[in-house]
C-alpha atoms as a PDB file:
ATOM      1  CA  MET A   1      46.713 -76.781  -1.761  1.00  0.00           C
ATOM      2  CA  GLU A   2      46.012 -77.255  -5.480  1.00  0.00           C
ATOM      3  CA  LYS A   3      47.198 -75.612  -8.727  1.00  0.00           C
ATOM      4  CA  ASN A   4      45.519 -75.604 -12.139  1.00  0.00           C
ATOM      5  CA  ASN A   5      47.956 -76.562 -14.900  1.00  0.00           C
ATOM      6  CA  SER A   6      47.933 -75.205 -18.474  1.00  0.00           C
ATOM      7  CA  ASN A   7      46.766 -78.579 -19.802  1.00  0.00           C
ATOM      8  CA  GLY A   8      43.701 -78.522 -17.586  1.00  0.00           C
ATOM      9  CA  THR A   9      44.926 -80.995 -14.974  1.00  0.00           C
ATOM     10  CA  VAL A  10      45.120 -80.242 -11.251  1.00  0.00           C
ATOM     11  CA  THR A  11      48.181 -80.981  -9.112  1.00  0.00           C
ATOM     12  CA  PHE A  12      47.903 -81.217  -5.302  1.00  0.00           C
ATOM     13  CA  TYR A  13      50.781 -79.792  -3.245  1.00  0.00           C
ATOM     14  CA  PRO A  14      51.640 -80.036   0.435  1.00  0.00           C
ATOM     15  CA  ASN A  15      50.342 -77.119   2.528  1.00  0.00           C
ATOM     16  CA  ASN A  16      53.890 -75.935   3.180  1.00  0.00           C
ATOM     17  CA  TYR A  17      54.878 -76.113  -0.488  1.00  0.00           C
ATOM     18  CA  GLU A  18      57.337 -73.501  -1.810  1.00  0.00           C
ATOM     19  CA  ASN A  19      57.912 -73.104  -5.523  1.00  0.00           C
ATOM     20  CA  SER A  20      61.556 -74.252  -5.723  1.00  0.00           C
ATOM     21  CA  GLU A  21      63.644 -76.982  -7.361  1.00  0.00           C
ATOM     22  CA  GLU A  22      64.196 -78.715  -3.985  1.00  0.00           C
ATOM     23  CA  ASP A  23      60.446 -79.372  -3.577  1.00  0.00           C
ATOM     24  CA  VAL A  24      59.905 -81.053  -6.931  1.00  0.00           C
ATOM     25  CA  HIS A  25      60.272 -84.562  -5.501  1.00  0.00           C
ATOM     26  CA  SER A  26      57.732 -83.894  -2.747  1.00  0.00           C
ATOM     27  CA  LEU A  27      55.094 -82.967  -5.320  1.00  0.00           C
ATOM     28  CA  SER A  28      55.026 -86.427  -6.849  1.00  0.00           C
ATOM     29  CA  THR A  29      52.802 -89.264  -5.712  1.00  0.00           C
ATOM     30  CA  LYS A  30      55.889 -91.054  -4.435  1.00  0.00           C
ATOM     31  CA  GLY A  31      56.894 -87.983  -2.447  1.00  0.00           C
ATOM     32  CA  ARG A  32      53.531 -87.739  -0.791  1.00  0.00           C
ATOM     33  CA  LEU A  33      53.614 -91.433   0.088  1.00  0.00           C
ATOM     34  CA  LEU A  34      57.095 -91.098   1.532  1.00  0.00           C
ATOM     35  CA  SER A  35      55.987 -88.109   3.582  1.00  0.00           C
ATOM     36  CA  TYR A  36      53.031 -90.078   4.925  1.00  0.00           C
ATOM     37  CA  ASN A  37      55.218 -93.071   5.733  1.00  0.00           C
ATOM     38  CA  ASN A  38      57.752 -90.918   7.552  1.00  0.00           C
ATOM     39  CA  GLN A  39      55.015 -89.279   9.606  1.00  0.00           C
ATOM     40  CA  LEU A  40      53.701 -92.723  10.496  1.00  0.00           C
ATOM     41  CA  LYS A  41      57.181 -93.867  11.535  1.00  0.00           C
ATOM     42  CA  ASP A  42      57.545 -90.790  13.724  1.00  0.00           C
ATOM     43  CA  SER A  43      54.205 -91.584  15.324  1.00  0.00           C
ATOM     44  CA  LEU A  44      55.286 -95.166  16.005  1.00  0.00           C
ATOM     45  CA  HIS A  45      58.580 -93.963  17.507  1.00  0.00           C
ATOM     46  CA  ASN A  46      56.545 -91.612  19.686  1.00  0.00           C
ATOM     47  CA  GLY A  47      54.512 -94.578  20.871  1.00  0.00           C
ATOM     48  CA  LEU A  48      57.665 -96.555  21.631  1.00  0.00           C
ATOM     49  CA  LYS A  49      59.031 -93.634  23.626  1.00  0.00           C
ATOM     50  CA  PHE A  50      55.802 -93.690  25.631  1.00  0.00           C
ATOM     51  CA  THR A  51      56.142 -97.419  26.383  1.00  0.00           C
ATOM     52  CA  GLU A  52      59.722 -96.859  27.568  1.00  0.00           C
ATOM     53  CA  LEU A  53      58.544 -94.200  30.002  1.00  0.00           C
ATOM     54  CA  LEU A  54      55.711 -96.424  31.201  1.00  0.00           C
ATOM     55  CA  ASP A  55      58.182 -99.276  31.736  1.00  0.00           C
ATOM     56  CA  GLU A  56      60.273 -96.868  33.820  1.00  0.00           C
ATOM     57  CA  LEU A  57      57.277 -95.815  35.892  1.00  0.00           C
ATOM     58  CA  ILE A  58      56.336 -99.444  36.547  1.00  0.00           C
ATOM     59  CA  GLU A  59      59.739-101.058  37.046  1.00  0.00           C
ATOM     60  CA  THR A  60      62.353 -98.558  38.241  1.00  0.00           C
ATOM     61  CA  THR A  61      63.775 -98.799  41.747  1.00  0.00           C
ATOM     62  CA  ASP A  62      65.370 -95.364  41.536  1.00  0.00           C
ATOM     63  CA  SER A  63      63.254 -92.595  43.062  1.00  0.00           C
ATOM     64  CA  GLN A  64      64.684 -89.897  40.780  1.00  0.00           C
ATOM     65  CA  ASN A  65      63.970 -91.894  37.629  1.00  0.00           C
ATOM     66  CA  LEU A  66      60.495 -92.567  38.971  1.00  0.00           C
ATOM     67  CA  LEU A  67      59.734 -88.867  39.309  1.00  0.00           C
ATOM     68  CA  ARG A  68      61.220 -88.072  35.905  1.00  0.00           C
ATOM     69  CA  ALA A  69      59.099 -90.750  34.210  1.00  0.00           C
ATOM     70  CA  ALA A  70      55.952 -89.544  35.977  1.00  0.00           C
ATOM     71  CA  MET A  71      56.606 -85.930  35.049  1.00  0.00           C
ATOM     72  CA  GLU A  72      57.094 -86.812  31.378  1.00  0.00           C
ATOM     73  CA  LEU A  73      54.056 -89.092  31.235  1.00  0.00           C
ATOM     74  CA  THR A  74      51.724 -86.471  32.733  1.00  0.00           C
ATOM     75  CA  LEU A  75      52.709 -84.172  29.873  1.00  0.00           C
ATOM     76  CA  PHE A  76      53.066 -86.788  27.118  1.00  0.00           C
ATOM     77  CA  GLN A  77      50.980 -86.456  23.952  1.00  0.00           C
ATOM     78  CA  LEU A  78      50.576 -90.017  22.705  1.00  0.00           C
ATOM     79  CA  ASP A  79      48.113 -89.477  19.854  1.00  0.00           C
ATOM     80  CA  THR A  80      49.236 -87.844  16.612  1.00  0.00           C
ATOM     81  CA  ALA A  81      47.437 -86.856  13.427  1.00  0.00           C
ATOM     82  CA  TYR A  82      48.585 -90.157  11.924  1.00  0.00           C
ATOM     83  CA  LEU A  83      48.135 -92.569  14.810  1.00  0.00           C
ATOM     84  CA  VAL A  84      45.495 -92.602  17.555  1.00  0.00           C
ATOM     85  CA  PHE A  85      45.511 -95.038  20.501  1.00  0.00           C
ATOM     86  CA  PRO A  86      41.933 -95.736  21.641  1.00  0.00           C
ATOM     87  CA  GLN A  87      42.970 -97.358  24.941  1.00  0.00           C
ATOM     88  CA  GLN A  88      44.928 -94.949  27.176  1.00  0.00           C
ATOM     89  CA  TYR A  89      45.449 -94.037  30.791  1.00  0.00           C
ATOM     90  CA  SER A  90      44.502 -90.475  31.632  1.00  0.00           C
ATOM     91  CA  GLN A  91      46.853 -87.812  32.912  1.00  0.00           C
ATOM     92  CA  SER A  92      45.379 -88.144  36.393  1.00  0.00           C
ATOM     93  CA  ASP A  93      45.992 -91.908  36.370  1.00  0.00           C
ATOM     94  CA  TYR A  94      49.752 -91.400  36.147  1.00  0.00           C
ATOM     95  CA  TYR A  95      49.696 -89.357  39.358  1.00  0.00           C
ATOM     96  CA  LEU A  96      47.976 -92.253  41.141  1.00  0.00           C
ATOM     97  CA  ILE A  97      50.401 -94.828  39.724  1.00  0.00           C
ATOM     98  CA  PHE A  98      53.321 -92.661  40.791  1.00  0.00           C
ATOM     99  CA  LEU A  99      52.075 -92.469  44.394  1.00  0.00           C
ATOM    100  CA  ASN A 100      51.757 -96.247  44.592  1.00  0.00           C
ATOM    101  CA  ARG A 101      55.217 -96.764  43.148  1.00  0.00           C
ATOM    102  CA  LEU A 102      56.691 -94.215  45.570  1.00  0.00           C
ATOM    103  CA  LEU A 103      55.068 -96.066  48.472  1.00  0.00           C
ATOM    104  CA  GLN A 104      56.408 -99.364  47.085  1.00  0.00           C
ATOM    105  CA  LEU A 105      59.949 -98.020  47.054  1.00  0.00           C
ATOM    106  CA  HIS A 106      59.565 -97.299  50.755  1.00  0.00           C
ATOM    107  CA  GLN A 107      57.930-100.698  51.474  1.00  0.00           C
ATOM    108  CA  ASN A 108      54.838 -98.830  52.638  1.00  0.00           C
ATOM    109  CA  GLU A 109      52.152 -99.358  50.009  1.00  0.00           C
ATOM    110  CA  GLN A 110      49.090 -98.806  52.187  1.00  0.00           C
ATOM    111  CA  VAL A 111      46.675 -97.610  49.535  1.00  0.00           C
ATOM    112  CA  ILE A 112      45.250 -99.932  46.860  1.00  0.00           C
ATOM    113  CA  LEU A 113      45.165 -98.905  43.200  1.00  0.00           C
ATOM    114  CA  GLN A 114      41.869-100.000  41.675  1.00  0.00           C
ATOM    115  CA  SER A 115      40.274 -99.706  38.245  1.00  0.00           C
ATOM    116  CA  SER A 116      36.718 -98.548  37.608  1.00  0.00           C
ATOM    117  CA  ASP A 117      35.291 -99.915  34.347  1.00  0.00           C
ATOM    118  CA  ARG A 118      32.152 -97.881  34.889  1.00  0.00           C
ATOM    119  CA  ASN A 119      34.009 -94.558  35.038  1.00  0.00           C
ATOM    120  CA  ASP A 120      36.962 -95.713  32.919  1.00  0.00           C
ATOM    121  CA  GLU A 121      39.517 -94.519  35.458  1.00  0.00           C
ATOM    122  CA  LEU A 122      41.937 -95.605  38.133  1.00  0.00           C
ATOM    123  CA  TYR A 123      41.297 -94.714  41.757  1.00  0.00           C
ATOM    124  CA  HIS A 124      42.725 -95.168  45.242  1.00  0.00           C
ATOM    125  CA  GLU A 125      41.007 -97.228  47.893  1.00  0.00           C
ATOM    126  CA  PHE A 126      42.222 -97.264  51.485  1.00  0.00           C
ATOM    127  CA  PRO A 127      41.641-100.433  53.549  1.00  0.00           C
ATOM    128  CA  GLY A 128      39.343 -99.784  56.474  1.00  0.00           C
ATOM    129  CA  ILE A 129      37.549 -96.809  54.929  1.00  0.00           C
ATOM    130  CA  ASN A 130      37.015 -98.305  51.471  1.00  0.00           C
ATOM    131  CA  GLN A 131      33.230 -98.138  51.776  1.00  0.00           C
ATOM    132  CA  ASN A 132      33.538 -94.330  51.881  1.00  0.00           C
ATOM    133  CA  GLY A 133      36.920 -93.456  50.417  1.00  0.00           C
ATOM    134  CA  TYR A 134      37.282 -93.181  46.615  1.00  0.00           C
ATOM    135  CA  PHE A 135      40.279 -91.037  45.695  1.00  0.00           C
ATOM    136  CA  THR A 136      41.344 -89.692  42.318  1.00  0.00           C
ATOM    137  CA  PHE A 137      43.333 -86.753  40.972  1.00  0.00           C
ATOM    138  CA  ARG A 138      41.714 -83.739  39.365  1.00  0.00           C
ATOM    139  CA  ILE A 139      44.063 -82.005  36.948  1.00  0.00           C
ATOM    140  CA  ASP A 140      44.609 -78.268  37.338  1.00  0.00           C
ATOM    141  CA  ASN A 141      44.345 -76.889  33.814  1.00  0.00           C
ATOM    142  CA  THR A 142      45.393 -73.365  34.773  1.00  0.00           C
ATOM    143  CA  GLU A 143      48.867 -71.918  34.284  1.00  0.00           C
ATOM    144  CA  GLU A 144      49.853 -73.255  37.710  1.00  0.00           C
ATOM    145  CA  GLY A 145      49.419 -76.858  36.547  1.00  0.00           C
ATOM    146  CA  GLY A 146      49.598 -79.741  38.996  1.00  0.00           C
ATOM    147  CA  ALA A 147      46.743 -81.859  40.337  1.00  0.00           C
ATOM    148  CA  TYR A 148      44.355 -82.111  43.304  1.00  0.00           C
ATOM    149  CA  TYR A 149      43.979 -85.361  45.266  1.00  0.00           C
ATOM    150  CA  THR A 150      40.218 -85.531  45.631  1.00  0.00           C
ATOM    151  CA  GLU A 151      37.687 -87.742  47.385  1.00  0.00           C
ATOM    152  CA  LYS A 152      35.371 -88.477  44.476  1.00  0.00           C
ATOM    153  CA  ASN A 153      32.076 -88.847  46.352  1.00  0.00           C
ATOM    154  CA  THR A 154      32.303 -85.616  48.356  1.00  0.00           C
ATOM    155  CA  GLY A 155      34.613 -83.564  46.130  1.00  0.00           C
ATOM    156  CA  GLU A 156      36.843 -82.764  49.108  1.00  0.00           C
ATOM    157  CA  ILE A 157      40.389 -81.859  47.991  1.00  0.00           C
ATOM    158  CA  LEU A 158      42.922 -83.301  50.447  1.00  0.00           C
ATOM    159  CA  PHE A 159      46.100 -81.964  48.870  1.00  0.00           C
ATOM    160  CA  TYR A 160      47.606 -80.154  45.912  1.00  0.00           C
ATOM    161  CA  LEU A 161      50.603 -81.685  44.102  1.00  0.00           C
ATOM    162  CA  ASN A 162      52.783 -79.978  41.515  1.00  0.00           C
ATOM    163  CA  PHE A 163      55.776 -81.859  40.105  1.00  0.00           C
ATOM    164  CA  GLN A 164      57.232 -78.898  38.230  1.00  0.00           C
ATOM    165  CA  ARG A 165      57.010 -76.466  41.157  1.00  0.00           C
ATOM    166  CA  ARG A 166      57.893 -79.205  43.669  1.00  0.00           C
ATOM    167  CA  ILE A 167      54.978 -78.448  45.949  1.00  0.00           C
ATOM    168  CA  LEU A 168      52.764 -80.651  48.115  1.00  0.00           C
ATOM    169  CA  HIS A 169      50.288 -78.732  50.281  1.00  0.00           C
ATOM    170  CA  PHE A 170      47.501 -80.211  52.397  1.00  0.00           C
ATOM    171  CA  ASN A 171      44.084 -78.624  52.760  1.00  0.00           C
ATOM    172  CA  SER A 172      42.954 -78.172  56.379  1.00  0.00           C
ATOM    173  CA  ARG A 173      39.298 -77.598  55.474  1.00  0.00           C
ATOM    174  CA  ALA A 174      38.985 -80.850  53.520  1.00  0.00           C
ATOM    175  CA  ILE A 175      40.880 -82.851  56.132  1.00  0.00           C
ATOM    176  CA  THR A 176      38.573 -81.445  58.811  1.00  0.00           C
ATOM    177  CA  ASN A 177      35.370 -82.013  56.824  1.00  0.00           C
ATOM    178  CA  LEU A 178      36.265 -85.495  55.612  1.00  0.00           C
ATOM    179  CA  LEU A 179      38.354 -87.065  58.374  1.00  0.00           C
ATOM    180  CA  VAL A 180      37.324 -85.188  61.516  1.00  0.00           C
ATOM    181  CA  VAL A 181      33.612 -84.743  60.750  1.00  0.00           C
ATOM    182  CA  ASP A 182      32.475 -87.385  58.242  1.00  0.00           C
ATOM    183  CA  TYR A 183      34.751 -90.324  58.997  1.00  0.00           C
ATOM    184  CA  SER A 184      34.500 -89.933  62.774  1.00  0.00           C
ATOM    185  CA  LYS A 185      30.790 -90.766  62.487  1.00  0.00           C
ATOM    186  CA  THR A 186      31.612 -94.204  61.078  1.00  0.00           C
ATOM    187  CA  TYR A 187      35.175 -95.068  62.091  1.00  0.00           C
ATOM    188  CA  ASN A 188      37.158 -94.963  65.300  1.00  0.00           C
ATOM    189  CA  TYR A 189      40.227 -92.788  65.801  1.00  0.00           C
ATOM    190  CA  GLU A 190      42.678 -95.643  65.118  1.00  0.00           C
ATOM    191  CA  THR A 191      41.167 -96.288  61.679  1.00  0.00           C
ATOM    192  CA  VAL A 192      41.148 -92.614  60.676  1.00  0.00           C
ATOM    193  CA  LYS A 193      44.652 -92.188  62.106  1.00  0.00           C
ATOM    194  CA  LYS A 194      45.970 -94.894  59.769  1.00  0.00           C
ATOM    195  CA  PHE A 195      44.671 -92.941  56.793  1.00  0.00           C
ATOM    196  CA  GLU A 196      46.175 -89.731  58.169  1.00  0.00           C
ATOM    197  CA  MET A 197      49.504 -91.555  58.602  1.00  0.00           C
ATOM    198  CA  TYR A 198      49.331 -92.562  54.927  1.00  0.00           C
ATOM    199  CA  LEU A 199      48.978 -88.894  53.968  1.00  0.00           C
ATOM    200  CA  MET A 200      51.827 -87.961  56.302  1.00  0.00           C
ATOM    201  CA  ALA A 201      54.048 -90.671  54.810  1.00  0.00           C
ATOM    202  CA  LEU A 202      53.472 -89.283  51.319  1.00  0.00           C
ATOM    203  CA  GLY A 203      54.505 -85.839  52.487  1.00  0.00           C
ATOM    204  CA  GLU A 204      57.643 -87.156  54.181  1.00  0.00           C
ATOM    205  CA  TYR A 205      58.725 -89.067  51.058  1.00  0.00           C
ATOM    206  CA  PHE A 206      58.243 -86.038  48.812  1.00  0.00           C
ATOM    207  CA  LYS A 207      60.184 -83.921  51.284  1.00  0.00           C
ATOM    208  CA  LYS A 208      63.099 -86.291  51.830  1.00  0.00           C
ATOM    209  CA  ASP A 209      63.399 -87.885  48.379  1.00  0.00           C
ATOM    210  CA  TYR A 210      62.770 -84.838  46.211  1.00  0.00           C
ATOM    211  CA  GLY A 211      63.099 -81.759  48.397  1.00  0.00           C
ATOM    212  CA  PHE A 212      59.479 -80.707  47.857  1.00  0.00           C
ATOM    213  CA  ASP A 213      57.967 -77.821  49.790  1.00  0.00           C
ATOM    214  CA  VAL A 214      55.491 -79.762  51.951  1.00  0.00           C
ATOM    215  CA  ASP A 215      52.862 -78.106  54.130  1.00  0.00           C
ATOM    216  CA  PHE A 216      51.305 -80.727  56.426  1.00  0.00           C
ATOM    217  CA  ASN A 217      48.964 -78.135  57.912  1.00  0.00           C
ATOM    218  CA  ILE A 218      46.867 -79.425  60.850  1.00  0.00           C
ATOM    219  CA  MET A 219      48.607 -82.820  60.695  1.00  0.00           C
ATOM    220  CA  ASP A 220      52.074 -81.399  61.415  1.00  0.00           C
ATOM    221  CA  PRO A 221      53.191 -82.584  64.882  1.00  0.00           C
ATOM    222  CA  SER A 222      56.275 -80.356  65.146  1.00  0.00           C
ATOM    223  CA  ASN A 223      56.307 -78.075  68.197  1.00  0.00           C
ATOM    224  CA  SER A 224      57.450 -75.234  65.950  1.00  0.00           C
ATOM    225  CA  THR A 225      54.333 -75.409  63.767  1.00  0.00           C
ATOM    226  CA  PHE A 226      52.103 -72.345  63.981  1.00  0.00           C
ATOM    227  CA  TYR A 227      48.554 -73.138  62.893  1.00  0.00           C
ATOM    228  CA  GLN A 228      47.340 -69.754  61.715  1.00  0.00           C
ATOM    229  CA  PHE A 229      43.639 -68.921  61.810  1.00  0.00           C
ATOM    230  CA  GLY A 230      42.069 -67.731  58.575  1.00  0.00           C
ATOM    231  CA  ASN A 231      40.410 -64.906  60.497  1.00  0.00           C
ATOM    232  CA  THR A 232      43.006 -62.317  61.571  1.00  0.00           C
ATOM    233  CA  GLY A 233      40.950 -60.806  64.398  1.00  0.00           C
ATOM    234  CA  ILE A 234      41.243 -61.772  68.044  1.00  0.00           C
ATOM    235  CA  PRO A 235      38.919 -64.775  68.676  1.00  0.00           C
ATOM    236  CA  GLN A 236      37.775 -63.403  72.009  1.00  0.00           C
ATOM    237  CA  ALA A 237      34.300 -64.936  71.983  1.00  0.00           C
ATOM    238  CA  ALA A 238      35.758 -68.328  71.109  1.00  0.00           C
ATOM    239  CA  LEU A 239      38.354 -68.027  73.877  1.00  0.00           C
ATOM    240  CA  ASP A 240      35.640 -67.257  76.408  1.00  0.00           C
ATOM    241  CA  LYS A 241      33.781 -70.386  75.326  1.00  0.00           C
ATOM    242  CA  LEU A 242      36.951 -72.479  75.561  1.00  0.00           C
ATOM    243  CA  PHE A 243      37.506 -71.299  79.116  1.00  0.00           C
ATOM    244  CA  ILE A 244      34.041 -72.571  80.084  1.00  0.00           C
ATOM    245  CA  GLN A 245      34.178 -75.834  78.122  1.00  0.00           C
ATOM    246  CA  ALA A 246      37.676 -76.708  79.362  1.00  0.00           C
ATOM    247  CA  ALA A 247      36.674 -76.067  82.990  1.00  0.00           C
ATOM    248  CA  ARG A 248      33.784 -78.507  82.620  1.00  0.00           C
ATOM    249  CA  GLU A 249      36.348 -81.183  81.688  1.00  0.00           C
ATOM    250  CA  ASN A 250      38.655 -80.206  84.577  1.00  0.00           C
ATOM    251  CA  PHE A 251      41.190 -78.422  82.371  1.00  0.00           C
ATOM    252  CA  MET A 252      42.220 -74.808  82.914  1.00  0.00           C
ATOM    253  CA  LEU A 253      42.727 -72.123  80.285  1.00  0.00           C
ATOM    254  CA  VAL A 254      45.218 -69.645  81.735  1.00  0.00           C
ATOM    255  CA  THR A 255      46.806 -66.397  80.554  1.00  0.00           C
ATOM    256  CA  GLY A 256      50.564 -66.336  79.910  1.00  0.00           C
ATOM    257  CA  LEU A 257      53.115 -63.567  80.418  1.00  0.00           C
ATOM    258  CA  HIS A 258      52.409 -62.084  76.971  1.00  0.00           C
ATOM    259  CA  ASN A 259      48.602 -62.382  77.152  1.00  0.00           C
ATOM    260  CA  GLU A 260      48.589 -65.689  75.293  1.00  0.00           C
ATOM    261  CA  ALA A 261      45.962 -68.273  76.229  1.00  0.00           C
ATOM    262  CA  ILE A 262      47.449 -71.570  77.418  1.00  0.00           C
ATOM    263  CA  LEU A 263      45.486 -74.803  77.706  1.00  0.00           C
ATOM    264  CA  LYS A 264      47.319 -77.553  79.582  1.00  0.00           C
ATOM    265  CA  LEU A 265      46.202 -81.060  78.701  1.00  0.00           C
ATOM    266  CA  ASP A 266      47.264 -84.571  79.701  1.00  0.00           C
ATOM    267  CA  ASN A 267      50.811 -85.957  79.382  1.00  0.00           C
ATOM    268  CA  GLY A 268      52.479 -82.561  79.155  1.00  0.00           C
ATOM    269  CA  VAL A 269      50.620 -81.454  76.028  1.00  0.00           C
ATOM    270  CA  GLU A 270      49.882 -77.743  75.789  1.00  0.00           C
ATOM    271  CA  VAL A 271      47.899 -75.607  73.361  1.00  0.00           C
ATOM    272  CA  THR A 272      48.940 -71.961  73.185  1.00  0.00           C
ATOM    273  CA  ILE A 273      46.750 -69.437  71.347  1.00  0.00           C
ATOM    274  CA  TYR A 274      48.300 -66.080  70.560  1.00  0.00           C
ATOM    275  CA  ASP A 275      48.913 -63.307  68.035  1.00  0.00           C
ATOM    276  CA  LYS A 276      52.155 -64.128  66.193  1.00  0.00           C
ATOM    277  CA  SER A 277      52.365 -60.658  64.671  1.00  0.00           C
ATOM    278  CA  ILE A 278      53.717 -59.362  68.004  1.00  0.00           C
ATOM    279  CA  GLU A 279      56.935 -61.240  67.183  1.00  0.00           C
ATOM    280  CA  ASP A 280      57.303 -59.272  63.941  1.00  0.00           C
ATOM    281  CA  SER A 281      57.490 -55.505  64.310  1.00  0.00           C
ATOM    282  CA  SER A 282      56.925 -55.044  60.555  1.00  0.00           C
ATOM    283  CA  ALA A 283      53.645 -56.994  60.527  1.00  0.00           C
ATOM    284  CA  THR A 284      50.652 -54.954  59.380  1.00  0.00           C
ATOM    285  CA  LEU A 285      47.981 -57.538  60.257  1.00  0.00           C
ATOM    286  CA  ASN A 286      47.289 -59.679  63.276  1.00  0.00           C
ATOM    287  CA  LYS A 287      48.239 -63.348  62.918  1.00  0.00           C
ATOM    288  CA  TRP A 288      46.191 -65.229  65.458  1.00  0.00           C
ATOM    289  CA  GLY A 289      46.677 -68.948  65.659  1.00  0.00           C
ATOM    290  CA  LEU A 290      47.846 -71.745  67.906  1.00  0.00           C
ATOM    291  CA  VAL A 291      50.761 -74.084  68.571  1.00  0.00           C
ATOM    292  CA  VAL A 292      50.656 -77.571  70.066  1.00  0.00           C
ATOM    293  CA  THR A 293      53.663 -78.630  72.121  1.00  0.00           C
ATOM    294  CA  ASP A 294      54.596 -81.976  73.630  1.00  0.00           C
ATOM    295  CA  ASP A 295      57.842 -83.576  74.743  1.00  0.00           C
ATOM    296  CA  ASP A 296      58.127 -85.942  71.768  1.00  0.00           C
ATOM    297  CA  HIS A 297      56.885 -83.727  68.911  1.00  0.00           C
ATOM    298  CA  LYS A 298      54.246 -86.351  68.102  1.00  0.00           C
ATOM    299  CA  VAL A 299      50.956 -84.573  68.805  1.00  0.00           C
ATOM    300  CA  SER A 300      49.291 -82.414  66.149  1.00  0.00           C
ATOM    301  CA  TRP A 301      46.144 -80.310  66.163  1.00  0.00           C
ATOM    302  CA  PHE A 302      44.544 -83.100  64.119  1.00  0.00           C
ATOM    303  CA  ASP A 303      45.231 -85.565  66.946  1.00  0.00           C
ATOM    304  CA  LEU A 304      43.720 -83.293  69.606  1.00  0.00           C
ATOM    305  CA  LEU A 305      40.531 -82.927  67.603  1.00  0.00           C
ATOM    306  CA  PHE A 306      40.053 -86.681  68.004  1.00  0.00           C
ATOM    307  CA  GLN A 307      41.471 -87.165  71.479  1.00  0.00           C
ATOM    308  CA  TYR A 308      39.386 -84.472  73.212  1.00  0.00           C
ATOM    309  CA  ASP A 309      35.685 -84.215  72.447  1.00  0.00           C
ATOM    310  CA  PHE A 310      35.389 -80.753  73.988  1.00  0.00           C
ATOM    311  CA  ILE A 311      38.209 -79.422  71.799  1.00  0.00           C
ATOM    312  CA  ARG A 312      36.617 -80.853  68.647  1.00  0.00           C
ATOM    313  CA  THR A 313      33.222 -79.412  69.570  1.00  0.00           C
ATOM    314  CA  TRP A 314      34.742 -76.023  70.387  1.00  0.00           C
ATOM    315  CA  TYR A 315      36.732 -75.880  67.134  1.00  0.00           C
ATOM    316  CA  LEU A 316      33.890 -76.997  64.862  1.00  0.00           C
ATOM    317  CA  ASP A 317      31.387 -74.663  66.535  1.00  0.00           C
ATOM    318  CA  ASN A 318      33.696 -71.674  66.039  1.00  0.00           C
ATOM    319  CA  LEU A 319      35.167 -72.327  62.598  1.00  0.00           C
ATOM    320  CA  SER A 320      34.280 -68.820  61.435  1.00  0.00           C
ATOM    321  CA  SER A 321      37.021 -67.449  63.691  1.00  0.00           C
ATOM    322  CA  LEU A 322      39.216 -70.505  64.314  1.00  0.00           C
ATOM    323  CA  GLU A 323      39.508 -72.395  61.011  1.00  0.00           C
ATOM    324  CA  ILE A 324      43.176 -73.166  60.316  1.00  0.00           C
ATOM    325  CA  GLN A 325      44.314 -71.477  57.135  1.00  0.00           C
ATOM    326  CA  SER A 326      45.513 -73.404  54.085  1.00  0.00           C
ATOM    327  CA  ASN A 327      47.564 -71.885  51.284  1.00  0.00           C
ATOM    328  CA  PRO A 328      45.111 -69.518  49.539  1.00  0.00           C
ATOM    329  CA  LEU A 329      46.972 -69.940  46.232  1.00  0.00           C
ATOM    330  CA  TYR A 330      45.693 -73.491  45.895  1.00  0.00           C
ATOM    331  CA  PHE A 331      42.585 -73.811  48.062  1.00  0.00           C
END
């Protein structure tokens, strides 16, 4: 601000000036220069703090320090009013770097971190599907925060990651559209399975290293996993079609003791479709879905969609009643 003096001159004061003896020094030219210099020093110290965090992200062999550095960098404000850095990584880039470093710590760095000069961004490329796969993070700017791991060409969101809330949830619709539908046209099951195993490895590391709440969705091979349908009604028409399609492939769909539909496949694998709400007397809505069981807990619904053509056709043709539900808070 400025003040007109009695002698006709004008003195410029700091915006936060208060008319007191203590502020006299700050009103002088020297005071203003000192204030500027101190602000510049603070900005430089801020930049040094940033480089320390980046060193930690790049070099640390401690998983906890790695997460801490990543969390701070995704929220770090490098530029100040006194110092602007024209060359910077974006917030989404730090998520990608973190994933690669996490994989390195587990000697399992399957995905390649690349740089796009054209788009001025980092991205993930997976060997074997690199002609189609181009993965980046899209930042969630809502109050929830976090970021979405997205295939750039199609916009399909494979998973949601939130460091602060310690959440990693996979999106069944995107995994189905991208891996089961699109990639199966170009790549064999073994190639797509390697990419799925990369996603599974990420989930396992977040779960074991950091205690994240991880929802593997249709990729979860545990026998206790209940894949709930998004549609709560009984999928009777779809079940009738499954009975016919399974019979054509010499598999039988039978009715269990509690009216559940049981499809017995090869090597002791079974698919059971039922209403889970009958197990909960307080449930107000039906919860139709399916479980996949096998002796070794290694077969998921994702695997069956590739291993049995008639199951994939049946599921994709009846998505309106059978689509496996993802967390509606994030997808």
